Amino acid sequence: MLDVSYGFTRTLNGVSCEAARPRVEAALKEEGFGVLSEIDVRATFKAKLDIDYPEYRILGVCNPSLAHRALSTDPGIGLFLPCTVVIAEDGAGNTAVSMLDPKALLEIIPDGARFEGPMGEARERLQRALARV
């Protein structure tokens, strides 16, 4: 499924994307994140390309307090906001929930260490949320 070095993934065996979604939102909410945006990749590919694709949703999530801290350091960091969460089915009745590791961004941001505080806290909160899903 989605096994990447720049994020965290948890596979929910026997759980549909539809059933996983409220679990993901509830876990994120406990950590102060809300869903700001959603891209239904499956529906978009079908409508725009007439391609059948497995269920795949990209959520843009935000913790306002952490976003404020990061933006106060440098408004340009908005290019990396919101945090990204993917909920994707594998076609075998399982769903992967993946979250981008905010600290992975520190490697590509010039002088990224100045964002260590909010990015590190976001990382910890996202990892706790994923553990609860």
Protein backbone atom coordinates (compact mmCIF):
# COMPACT_ATOMS: atom_id res chain seq x y z
CA MET A 1 0.00 0.00 0.00
CA LEU A 2 1.42 3.36 1.00
CA ASP A 3 4.75 2.67 2.65
CA VAL A 4 6.79 5.83 2.40
CA SER A 5 9.79 7.20 4.29
CA TYR A 6 8.29 10.70 4.38
CA GLY A 7 5.15 9.73 6.25
CA PHE A 8 3.44 7.28 8.57
CA THR A 9 1.00 4.56 7.50
CA ARG A 10 -1.37 2.29 9.34
CA THR A 11 -3.34 -0.42 7.55
CA LEU A 12 -6.84 -1.17 8.78
CA ASN A 13 -7.55 -4.75 7.75
CA GLY A 14 -11.14 -5.42 6.74
CA VAL A 15 -12.10 -1.74 7.07
CA SER A 16 -13.50 0.22 4.13
CA CYS A 17 -12.46 3.75 3.30
CA GLU A 18 -15.98 4.89 4.21
CA ALA A 19 -15.75 3.27 7.64
CA ALA A 20 -12.20 4.54 8.23
CA ARG A 21 -13.03 8.19 7.50
CA PRO A 22 -14.95 8.99 10.73
CA ARG A 23 -12.32 7.15 12.78
CA VAL A 24 -9.58 9.25 11.19
CA GLU A 25 -11.47 12.51 11.74
CA ALA A 26 -12.21 11.68 15.39
CA ALA A 27 -8.57 10.79 16.10
CA LEU A 28 -7.36 13.98 14.41
CA LYS A 29 -9.91 16.07 16.32
CA GLU A 30 -8.56 14.73 19.63
CA GLU A 31 -5.19 16.18 18.60
CA GLY A 32 -6.62 19.57 17.60
CA PHE A 33 -6.76 18.99 13.83
CA GLY A 34 -9.75 19.66 11.61
CA VAL A 35 -10.36 18.74 7.99
CA LEU A 36 -10.16 21.82 5.76
CA SER A 37 -10.29 20.17 2.36
CA GLU A 38 -10.87 16.86 0.65
CA ILE A 39 -9.96 15.54 -2.77
CA ASP A 40 -11.83 12.46 -3.94
CA VAL A 41 -9.21 11.11 -6.35
CA ARG A 42 -11.39 8.22 -7.48
CA ALA A 43 -14.29 10.50 -8.47
CA THR A 44 -11.96 13.02 -10.10
CA PHE A 45 -10.20 10.38 -12.21
CA LYS A 46 -13.54 8.94 -13.27
CA ALA A 47 -15.05 12.32 -14.18
CA LYS A 48 -11.99 13.83 -15.86
CA LEU A 49 -10.17 10.81 -17.31
CA ASP A 50 -12.84 8.08 -17.37
CA ILE A 51 -10.44 5.91 -15.35
CA ASP A 52 -11.60 3.51 -12.65
CA TYR A 53 -9.38 3.90 -9.62
CA PRO A 54 -9.60 2.45 -6.10
CA GLU A 55 -11.05 4.61 -3.33
CA TYR A 56 -8.43 7.26 -2.54
CA ARG A 57 -9.07 10.45 -0.60
CA ILE A 58 -6.62 13.20 0.22
CA LEU A 59 -7.50 15.31 3.25
CA GLY A 60 -5.96 18.66 4.07
CA VAL A 61 -5.92 18.90 7.87
CA CYS A 62 -4.88 21.74 10.12
CA ASN A 63 -4.18 22.44 13.75
CA PRO A 64 -4.74 26.22 13.89
CA SER A 65 -2.40 26.79 16.83
CA LEU A 66 0.50 24.99 15.16
CA ALA A 67 -0.22 26.64 11.81
CA HIS A 68 -0.17 30.06 13.48
CA ARG A 69 3.19 29.34 15.10
CA ALA A 70 4.69 28.23 11.79
CA LEU A 71 3.22 31.12 9.80
CA SER A 72 4.43 33.59 12.43
CA THR A 73 7.95 32.27 11.87
CA ASP A 74 7.69 32.67 8.09
CA PRO A 75 4.50 33.27 6.05
CA GLY A 76 6.08 31.32 3.18
CA ILE A 77 5.57 28.09 5.13
CA GLY A 78 1.96 28.31 3.98
CA LEU A 79 3.12 26.54 0.82
CA PHE A 80 3.45 23.41 2.98
CA LEU A 81 0.12 23.76 4.76
CA PRO A 82 -2.23 22.12 5.49
CA CYS A 83 -0.93 18.73 6.65
CA THR A 84 -1.82 15.91 4.29
CA VAL A 85 -3.65 12.70 5.18
CA VAL A 86 -4.49 9.95 2.67
CA ILE A 87 -7.19 7.34 3.14
CA ALA A 88 -6.92 4.66 0.44
CA GLU A 89 -8.42 1.21 -0.16
CA ASP A 90 -6.25 -1.57 -1.53
CA GLY A 91 -8.98 -3.45 -3.41
CA ALA A 92 -8.81 -6.37 -0.97
CA GLY A 93 -11.04 -4.84 1.69
CA ASN A 94 -8.30 -3.04 3.61
CA THR A 95 -7.65 0.66 4.02
CA ALA A 96 -4.35 2.44 4.53
CA VAL A 97 -4.29 5.69 6.45
CA SER A 98 -1.14 7.69 5.71
CA MET A 99 0.00 11.00 7.12
CA LEU A 100 2.82 13.18 5.85
CA ASP A 101 5.61 13.56 8.40
CA PRO A 102 5.87 17.34 8.90
CA LYS A 103 9.49 16.96 9.97
CA ALA A 104 10.33 15.48 6.55
CA LEU A 105 9.71 18.97 5.18
CA LEU A 106 12.50 20.39 7.31
CA GLU A 107 15.00 18.78 4.97
CA ILE A 108 13.83 20.77 1.95
CA ILE A 109 13.12 24.11 3.63
CA PRO A 110 16.11 26.46 3.81
CA ASP A 111 16.99 26.91 7.48
CA GLY A 112 14.26 24.38 8.31
CA ALA A 113 15.46 24.08 11.90
CA ARG A 114 13.57 27.26 12.76
CA PHE A 115 10.34 25.28 12.28
CA GLU A 116 11.47 22.42 14.52
CA GLY A 117 9.02 23.39 17.29
CA PRO A 118 5.71 23.44 15.44
CA MET A 119 6.70 20.73 12.96
CA GLY A 120 7.91 18.47 15.74
CA GLU A 121 4.73 18.97 17.71
CA ALA A 122 2.60 18.38 14.61
CA ARG A 123 4.52 15.16 14.00
CA GLU A 124 3.88 13.91 17.53
CA ARG A 125 0.18 14.79 17.36
CA LEU A 126 -0.28 13.11 13.97
CA GLN A 127 1.49 9.97 15.17
CA ARG A 128 -0.78 9.81 18.23
CA ALA A 129 -3.84 10.31 16.04
CA LEU A 130 -2.76 7.55 13.67
CA ALA A 131 -2.22 5.18 16.59
CA ARG A 132 -5.84 5.81 17.68
CA VAL A 133 -7.42 5.20 14.27
